[in-house]
Amino acid sequence: MTKDELRAELERQAQRYKDVYGGEVITYAAQPDPDRKPWRKRPSLLDQAFDKEIEKIEKERQDKLAAADEAAS
């Protein structure tokens, strides 16, 4: 059965339903599947610990630079 034959058959059935039962036929297109969200890696405990260490090292470095600037002034 081709698409055209299937469309014609569905149209005949819809018309027959309207004639016999006096009902209303509502046709609609199928809803598209929702887009998938991109996968994201959750940070592990090691990743979190590494980030904390980096922040601690950066803070110490900034404190040293601030202390050096005050001593130079």
PDB file of N, CA and C in Angstrom:
ATOM      1  N   MET A   1       0.852  -1.180   0.000  1.00  0.00           N
ATOM      2  CA  MET A   1       0.000   0.000   0.000  1.00  0.00           C
ATOM      3  C   MET A   1       0.896   1.242   0.000  1.00  0.00           C
ATOM      4  N   THR A   2       0.665   2.157  -0.924  1.00  0.00           N
ATOM      5  CA  THR A   2       1.459   3.373  -1.015  1.00  0.00           C
ATOM      6  C   THR A   2       0.868   4.447  -0.109  1.00  0.00           C
ATOM      7  N   LYS A   3       1.584   5.508   0.034  1.00  0.00           N
ATOM      8  CA  LYS A   3       1.112   6.606   0.877  1.00  0.00           C
ATOM      9  C   LYS A   3      -0.177   7.199   0.331  1.00  0.00           C
ATOM     10  N   ASP A   4      -0.239   7.341  -1.000  1.00  0.00           N
ATOM     11  CA  ASP A   4      -1.442   7.912  -1.606  1.00  0.00           C
ATOM     12  C   ASP A   4      -2.656   7.014  -1.362  1.00  0.00           C
ATOM     13  N   GLU A   5      -2.458   5.694  -1.495  1.00  0.00           N
ATOM     14  CA  GLU A   5      -3.558   4.764  -1.237  1.00  0.00           C
ATOM     15  C   GLU A   5      -3.991   4.830   0.220  1.00  0.00           C
ATOM     16  N   LEU A   6      -3.018   4.926   1.112  1.00  0.00           N
ATOM     17  CA  LEU A   6      -3.332   5.014   2.537  1.00  0.00           C
ATOM     18  C   LEU A   6      -4.085   6.301   2.854  1.00  0.00           C
ATOM     19  N   ARG A   7      -3.648   7.412   2.268  1.00  0.00           N
ATOM     20  CA  ARG A   7      -4.360   8.681   2.480  1.00  0.00           C
ATOM     21  C   ARG A   7      -5.796   8.590   1.979  1.00  0.00           C
ATOM     22  N   ALA A   8      -5.964   7.987   0.797  1.00  0.00           N
ATOM     23  CA  ALA A   8      -7.308   7.851   0.233  1.00  0.00           C
ATOM     24  C   ALA A   8      -8.183   6.971   1.132  1.00  0.00           C
ATOM     25  N   GLU A   9      -7.638   5.877   1.637  1.00  0.00           N
ATOM     26  CA  GLU A   9      -8.390   4.984   2.514  1.00  0.00           C
ATOM     27  C   GLU A   9      -8.786   5.684   3.810  1.00  0.00           C
ATOM     28  N   LEU A  10      -7.859   6.425   4.395  1.00  0.00           N
ATOM     29  CA  LEU A  10      -8.181   7.167   5.618  1.00  0.00           C
ATOM     30  C   LEU A  10      -9.230   8.237   5.363  1.00  0.00           C
ATOM     31  N   GLU A  11      -9.154   8.882   4.225  1.00  0.00           N
ATOM     32  CA  GLU A  11     -10.163   9.891   3.868  1.00  0.00           C
ATOM     33  C   GLU A  11     -11.533   9.242   3.710  1.00  0.00           C
ATOM     34  N   ARG A  12     -11.589   8.064   3.073  1.00  0.00           N
ATOM     35  CA  ARG A  12     -12.860   7.344   2.936  1.00  0.00           C
ATOM     36  C   ARG A  12     -13.430   6.954   4.298  1.00  0.00           C
ATOM     37  N   GLN A  13     -12.574   6.469   5.171  1.00  0.00           N
ATOM     38  CA  GLN A  13     -13.038   6.080   6.501  1.00  0.00           C
ATOM     39  C   GLN A  13     -13.542   7.287   7.286  1.00  0.00           C
ATOM     40  N   ALA A  14     -12.840   8.409   7.181  1.00  0.00           N
ATOM     41  CA  ALA A  14     -13.264   9.618   7.877  1.00  0.00           C
ATOM     42  C   ALA A  14     -14.608  10.097   7.330  1.00  0.00           C
ATOM     43  N   GLN A  15     -14.788  10.070   6.025  1.00  0.00           N
ATOM     44  CA  GLN A  15     -16.055  10.494   5.421  1.00  0.00           C
ATOM     45  C   GLN A  15     -17.182   9.562   5.838  1.00  0.00           C
ATOM     46  N   ARG A  16     -16.921   8.255   5.843  1.00  0.00           N
ATOM     47  CA  ARG A  16     -17.932   7.269   6.250  1.00  0.00           C
ATOM     48  C   ARG A  16     -18.338   7.502   7.703  1.00  0.00           C
ATOM     49  N   TYR A  17     -17.366   7.780   8.565  1.00  0.00           N
ATOM     50  CA  TYR A  17     -17.665   8.041   9.970  1.00  0.00           C
ATOM     51  C   TYR A  17     -18.560   9.277  10.108  1.00  0.00           C
ATOM     52  N   LYS A  18     -18.236  10.325   9.338  1.00  0.00           N
ATOM     53  CA  LYS A  18     -19.053  11.538   9.391  1.00  0.00           C
ATOM     54  C   LYS A  18     -20.473  11.255   8.922  1.00  0.00           C
ATOM     55  N   ASP A  19     -20.605  10.479   7.841  1.00  0.00           N
ATOM     56  CA  ASP A  19     -21.929  10.197   7.274  1.00  0.00           C
ATOM     57  C   ASP A  19     -22.753   9.292   8.191  1.00  0.00           C
ATOM     58  N   VAL A  20     -22.155   8.214   8.692  1.00  0.00           N
ATOM     59  CA  VAL A  20     -22.890   7.209   9.463  1.00  0.00           C
ATOM     60  C   VAL A  20     -23.185   7.699  10.877  1.00  0.00           C
ATOM     61  N   TYR A  21     -22.158   8.214  11.558  1.00  0.00           N
ATOM     62  CA  TYR A  21     -22.328   8.572  12.960  1.00  0.00           C
ATOM     63  C   TYR A  21     -22.553  10.058  13.179  1.00  0.00           C
ATOM     64  N   GLY A  22     -22.379  10.847  12.153  1.00  0.00           N
ATOM     65  CA  GLY A  22     -22.568  12.289  12.295  1.00  0.00           C
ATOM     66  C   GLY A  22     -21.509  12.923  13.186  1.00  0.00           C
ATOM     67  N   GLY A  23     -20.404  12.221  13.369  1.00  0.00           N
ATOM     68  CA  GLY A  23     -19.343  12.716  14.244  1.00  0.00           C
ATOM     69  C   GLY A  23     -18.386  13.631  13.532  1.00  0.00           C
ATOM     70  N   GLU A  24     -17.476  14.117  14.285  1.00  0.00           N
ATOM     71  CA  GLU A  24     -16.476  15.020  13.751  1.00  0.00           C
ATOM     72  C   GLU A  24     -15.123  14.323  13.813  1.00  0.00           C
ATOM     73  N   VAL A  25     -14.349  14.435  12.781  1.00  0.00           N
ATOM     74  CA  VAL A  25     -13.032  13.813  12.733  1.00  0.00           C
ATOM     75  C   VAL A  25     -11.989  14.910  12.854  1.00  0.00           C
ATOM     76  N   ILE A  26     -11.122  14.738  13.836  1.00  0.00           N
ATOM     77  CA  ILE A  26     -10.044  15.705  14.041  1.00  0.00           C
ATOM     78  C   ILE A  26      -8.749  15.030  13.631  1.00  0.00           C
ATOM     79  N   THR A  27      -8.070  15.639  12.694  1.00  0.00           N
ATOM     80  CA  THR A  27      -6.776  15.105  12.273  1.00  0.00           C
ATOM     81  C   THR A  27      -5.690  16.047  12.759  1.00  0.00           C
ATOM     82  N   TYR A  28      -4.590  15.482  13.155  1.00  0.00           N
ATOM     83  CA  TYR A  28      -3.482  16.286  13.642  1.00  0.00           C
ATOM     84  C   TYR A  28      -2.176  15.584  13.332  1.00  0.00           C
ATOM     85  N   ALA A  29      -1.132  16.362  13.315  1.00  0.00           N
ATOM     86  CA  ALA A  29       0.204  15.803  13.076  1.00  0.00           C
ATOM     87  C   ALA A  29       0.784  15.333  14.403  1.00  0.00           C
ATOM     88  N   ALA A  30       1.601  14.330  14.343  1.00  0.00           N
ATOM     89  CA  ALA A  30       2.245  13.832  15.554  1.00  0.00           C
ATOM     90  C   ALA A  30       3.192  14.888  16.106  1.00  0.00           C
ATOM     91  N   GLN A  31       3.261  14.957  17.412  1.00  0.00           N
ATOM     92  CA  GLN A  31       4.145  15.927  18.051  1.00  0.00           C
ATOM     93  C   GLN A  31       5.594  15.449  17.919  1.00  0.00           C
ATOM     94  N   PRO A  32       6.513  16.369  17.631  1.00  0.00           N
ATOM     95  CA  PRO A  32       7.919  15.954  17.525  1.00  0.00           C
ATOM     96  C   PRO A  32       8.468  15.589  18.899  1.00  0.00           C
ATOM     97  N   ASP A  33       9.453  14.720  18.916  1.00  0.00           N
ATOM     98  CA  ASP A  33      10.106  14.354  20.166  1.00  0.00           C
ATOM     99  C   ASP A  33      10.852  15.565  20.701  1.00  0.00           C
ATOM    100  N   PRO A  34      10.850  15.753  22.011  1.00  0.00           N
ATOM    101  CA  PRO A  34      11.581  16.906  22.556  1.00  0.00           C
ATOM    102  C   PRO A  34      13.077  16.737  22.339  1.00  0.00           C
ATOM    103  N   ASP A  35      13.756  17.865  22.191  1.00  0.00           N
ATOM    104  CA  ASP A  35      15.203  17.836  22.000  1.00  0.00           C
ATOM    105  C   ASP A  35      15.868  17.336  23.271  1.00  0.00           C
ATOM    106  N   ARG A  36      16.885  16.514  23.094  1.00  0.00           N
ATOM    107  CA  ARG A  36      17.610  16.003  24.245  1.00  0.00           C
ATOM    108  C   ARG A  36      18.576  17.068  24.730  1.00  0.00           C
ATOM    109  N   LYS A  37      18.712  17.150  26.039  1.00  0.00           N
ATOM    110  CA  LYS A  37      19.666  18.093  26.611  1.00  0.00           C
ATOM    111  C   LYS A  37      21.068  17.505  26.498  1.00  0.00           C
ATOM    112  N   PRO A  38      22.055  18.365  26.313  1.00  0.00           N
ATOM    113  CA  PRO A  38      23.416  17.837  26.198  1.00  0.00           C
ATOM    114  C   PRO A  38      23.860  17.186  27.502  1.00  0.00           C
ATOM    115  N   TRP A  39      24.667  16.158  27.368  1.00  0.00           N
ATOM    116  CA  TRP A  39      25.158  15.449  28.529  1.00  0.00           C
ATOM    117  C   TRP A  39      26.208  16.285  29.225  1.00  0.00           C
ATOM    118  N   ARG A  40      26.125  16.324  30.538  1.00  0.00           N
ATOM    119  CA  ARG A  40      27.106  17.077  31.316  1.00  0.00           C
ATOM    120  C   ARG A  40      27.740  16.146  32.343  1.00  0.00           C
ATOM    121  N   LYS A  41      29.053  16.267  32.464  1.00  0.00           N
ATOM    122  CA  LYS A  41      29.771  15.446  33.426  1.00  0.00           C
ATOM    123  C   LYS A  41      29.664  16.094  34.798  1.00  0.00           C
ATOM    124  N   ARG A  42      29.232  15.314  35.778  1.00  0.00           N
ATOM    125  CA  ARG A  42      29.178  15.828  37.140  1.00  0.00           C
ATOM    126  C   ARG A  42      30.570  15.719  37.737  1.00  0.00           C
ATOM    127  N   PRO A  43      31.023  16.758  38.434  1.00  0.00           N
ATOM    128  CA  PRO A  43      32.372  16.705  38.999  1.00  0.00           C
ATOM    129  C   PRO A  43      32.475  15.642  40.096  1.00  0.00           C
ATOM    130  N   SER A  44      33.551  14.891  40.057  1.00  0.00           N
ATOM    131  CA  SER A  44      33.780  13.868  41.074  1.00  0.00           C
ATOM    132  C   SER A  44      34.386  14.536  42.310  1.00  0.00           C
ATOM    133  N   LEU A  45      34.571  13.754  43.360  1.00  0.00           N
ATOM    134  CA  LEU A  45      35.189  14.299  44.573  1.00  0.00           C
ATOM    135  C   LEU A  45      36.610  14.767  44.292  1.00  0.00           C
ATOM    136  N   LEU A  46      37.331  14.042  43.443  1.00  0.00           N
ATOM    137  CA  LEU A  46      38.688  14.455  43.097  1.00  0.00           C
ATOM    138  C   LEU A  46      38.677  15.782  42.336  1.00  0.00           C
ATOM    139  N   ASP A  47      37.718  15.952  41.440  1.00  0.00           N
ATOM    140  CA  ASP A  47      37.606  17.216  40.700  1.00  0.00           C
ATOM    141  C   ASP A  47      37.326  18.368  41.657  1.00  0.00           C
ATOM    142  N   GLN A  48      36.429  18.140  42.610  1.00  0.00           N
ATOM    143  CA  GLN A  48      36.091  19.190  43.573  1.00  0.00           C
ATOM    144  C   GLN A  48      37.285  19.535  44.452  1.00  0.00           C
ATOM    145  N   ALA A  49      38.008  18.506  44.907  1.00  0.00           N
ATOM    146  CA  ALA A  49      39.189  18.748  45.737  1.00  0.00           C
ATOM    147  C   ALA A  49      40.254  19.506  44.955  1.00  0.00           C
ATOM    148  N   PHE A  50      40.435  19.152  43.682  1.00  0.00           N
ATOM    149  CA  PHE A  50      41.411  19.839  42.837  1.00  0.00           C
ATOM    150  C   PHE A  50      41.038  21.317  42.692  1.00  0.00           C
ATOM    151  N   ASP A  51      39.759  21.592  42.437  1.00  0.00           N
ATOM    152  CA  ASP A  51      39.314  22.983  42.296  1.00  0.00           C
ATOM    153  C   ASP A  51      39.547  23.773  43.581  1.00  0.00           C
ATOM    154  N   LYS A  52      39.295  23.147  44.734  1.00  0.00           N
ATOM    155  CA  LYS A  52      39.522  23.839  46.014  1.00  0.00           C
ATOM    156  C   LYS A  52      41.004  24.144  46.217  1.00  0.00           C
ATOM    157  N   GLU A  53      41.853  23.196  45.869  1.00  0.00           N
ATOM    158  CA  GLU A  53      43.292  23.422  45.996  1.00  0.00           C
ATOM    159  C   GLU A  53      43.753  24.562  45.094  1.00  0.00           C
ATOM    160  N   ILE A  54      43.249  24.593  43.875  1.00  0.00           N
ATOM    161  CA  ILE A  54      43.601  25.680  42.945  1.00  0.00           C
ATOM    162  C   ILE A  54      43.165  27.023  43.523  1.00  0.00           C
ATOM    163  N   GLU A  55      41.947  27.089  44.058  1.00  0.00           N
ATOM    164  CA  GLU A  55      41.469  28.342  44.643  1.00  0.00           C
ATOM    165  C   GLU A  55      42.331  28.750  45.834  1.00  0.00           C
ATOM    166  N   LYS A  56      42.735  27.782  46.670  1.00  0.00           N
ATOM    167  CA  LYS A  56      43.566  28.075  47.836  1.00  0.00           C
ATOM    168  C   LYS A  56      44.930  28.609  47.404  1.00  0.00           C
ATOM    169  N   ILE A  57      45.528  27.993  46.386  1.00  0.00           N
ATOM    170  CA  ILE A  57      46.833  28.437  45.891  1.00  0.00           C
ATOM    171  C   ILE A  57      46.725  29.843  45.311  1.00  0.00           C
ATOM    172  N   GLU A  58      45.665  30.117  44.552  1.00  0.00           N
ATOM    173  CA  GLU A  58      45.483  31.458  43.975  1.00  0.00           C
ATOM    174  C   GLU A  58      45.304  32.500  45.069  1.00  0.00           C
ATOM    175  N   LYS A  59      44.555  32.154  46.123  1.00  0.00           N
ATOM    176  CA  LYS A  59      44.342  33.099  47.225  1.00  0.00           C
ATOM    177  C   LYS A  59      45.661  33.394  47.934  1.00  0.00           C
ATOM    178  N   GLU A  60      46.451  32.343  48.203  1.00  0.00           N
ATOM    179  CA  GLU A  60      47.752  32.548  48.841  1.00  0.00           C
ATOM    180  C   GLU A  60      48.647  33.427  47.984  1.00  0.00           C
ATOM    181  N   ARG A  61      48.610  33.216  46.687  1.00  0.00           N
ATOM    182  CA  ARG A  61      49.434  34.007  45.770  1.00  0.00           C
ATOM    183  C   ARG A  61      49.018  35.479  45.801  1.00  0.00           C
ATOM    184  N   GLN A  62      47.691  35.714  45.796  1.00  0.00           N
ATOM    185  CA  GLN A  62      47.210  37.092  45.853  1.00  0.00           C
ATOM    186  C   GLN A  62      47.582  37.752  47.180  1.00  0.00           C
ATOM    187  N   ASP A  63      47.499  36.975  48.283  1.00  0.00           N
ATOM    188  CA  ASP A  63      47.868  37.527  49.585  1.00  0.00           C
ATOM    189  C   ASP A  63      49.348  37.904  49.612  1.00  0.00           C
ATOM    190  N   LYS A  64      50.214  37.060  49.008  1.00  0.00           N
ATOM    191  CA  LYS A  64      51.643  37.354  48.956  1.00  0.00           C
ATOM    192  C   LYS A  64      51.905  38.617  48.135  1.00  0.00           C
ATOM    193  N   LEU A  65      51.196  38.755  47.005  1.00  0.00           N
ATOM    194  CA  LEU A  65      51.376  39.946  46.173  1.00  0.00           C
ATOM    195  C   LEU A  65      50.917  41.197  46.905  1.00  0.00           C
ATOM    196  N   ALA A  66      49.811  41.097  47.643  1.00  0.00           N
ATOM    197  CA  ALA A  66      49.314  42.247  48.393  1.00  0.00           C
ATOM    198  C   ALA A  66      50.297  42.625  49.506  1.00  0.00           C
ATOM    199  N   ALA A  67      50.860  41.623  50.180  1.00  0.00           N
ATOM    200  CA  ALA A  67      51.830  41.880  51.234  1.00  0.00           C
ATOM    201  C   ALA A  67      53.091  42.507  50.656  1.00  0.00           C
ATOM    202  N   ALA A  68      53.514  42.054  49.494  1.00  0.00           N
ATOM    203  CA  ALA A  68      54.703  42.617  48.856  1.00  0.00           C
ATOM    204  C   ALA A  68      54.471  44.067  48.445  1.00  0.00           C
ATOM    205  N   ASP A  69      53.266  44.377  47.956  1.00  0.00           N
ATOM    206  CA  ASP A  69      52.941  45.760  47.565  1.00  0.00           C
ATOM    207  C   ASP A  69      52.928  46.679  48.777  1.00  0.00           C
ATOM    208  N   GLU A  70      52.424  46.183  49.920  1.00  0.00           N
ATOM    209  CA  GLU A  70      52.371  47.011  51.129  1.00  0.00           C
ATOM    210  C   GLU A  70      53.793  47.244  51.651  1.00  0.00           C
ATOM    211  N   ALA A  71      54.641  46.239  51.561  1.00  0.00           N
ATOM    212  CA  ALA A  71      56.010  46.381  52.043  1.00  0.00           C
ATOM    213  C   ALA A  71      56.789  47.344  51.148  1.00  0.00           C
ATOM    214  N   ALA A  72      56.484  47.360  49.878  1.00  0.00           N
ATOM    215  CA  ALA A  72      57.187  48.238  48.950  1.00  0.00           C
ATOM    216  C   ALA A  72      56.738  49.696  49.112  1.00  0.00           C
ATOM    217  N   SER A  73      55.546  49.900  49.640  1.00  0.00           N
ATOM    218  CA  SER A  73      55.045  51.273  49.773  1.00  0.00           C
ATOM    219  C   SER A  73      55.574  52.016  50.929  1.00  0.00           C
TER     220      SER A  73
END
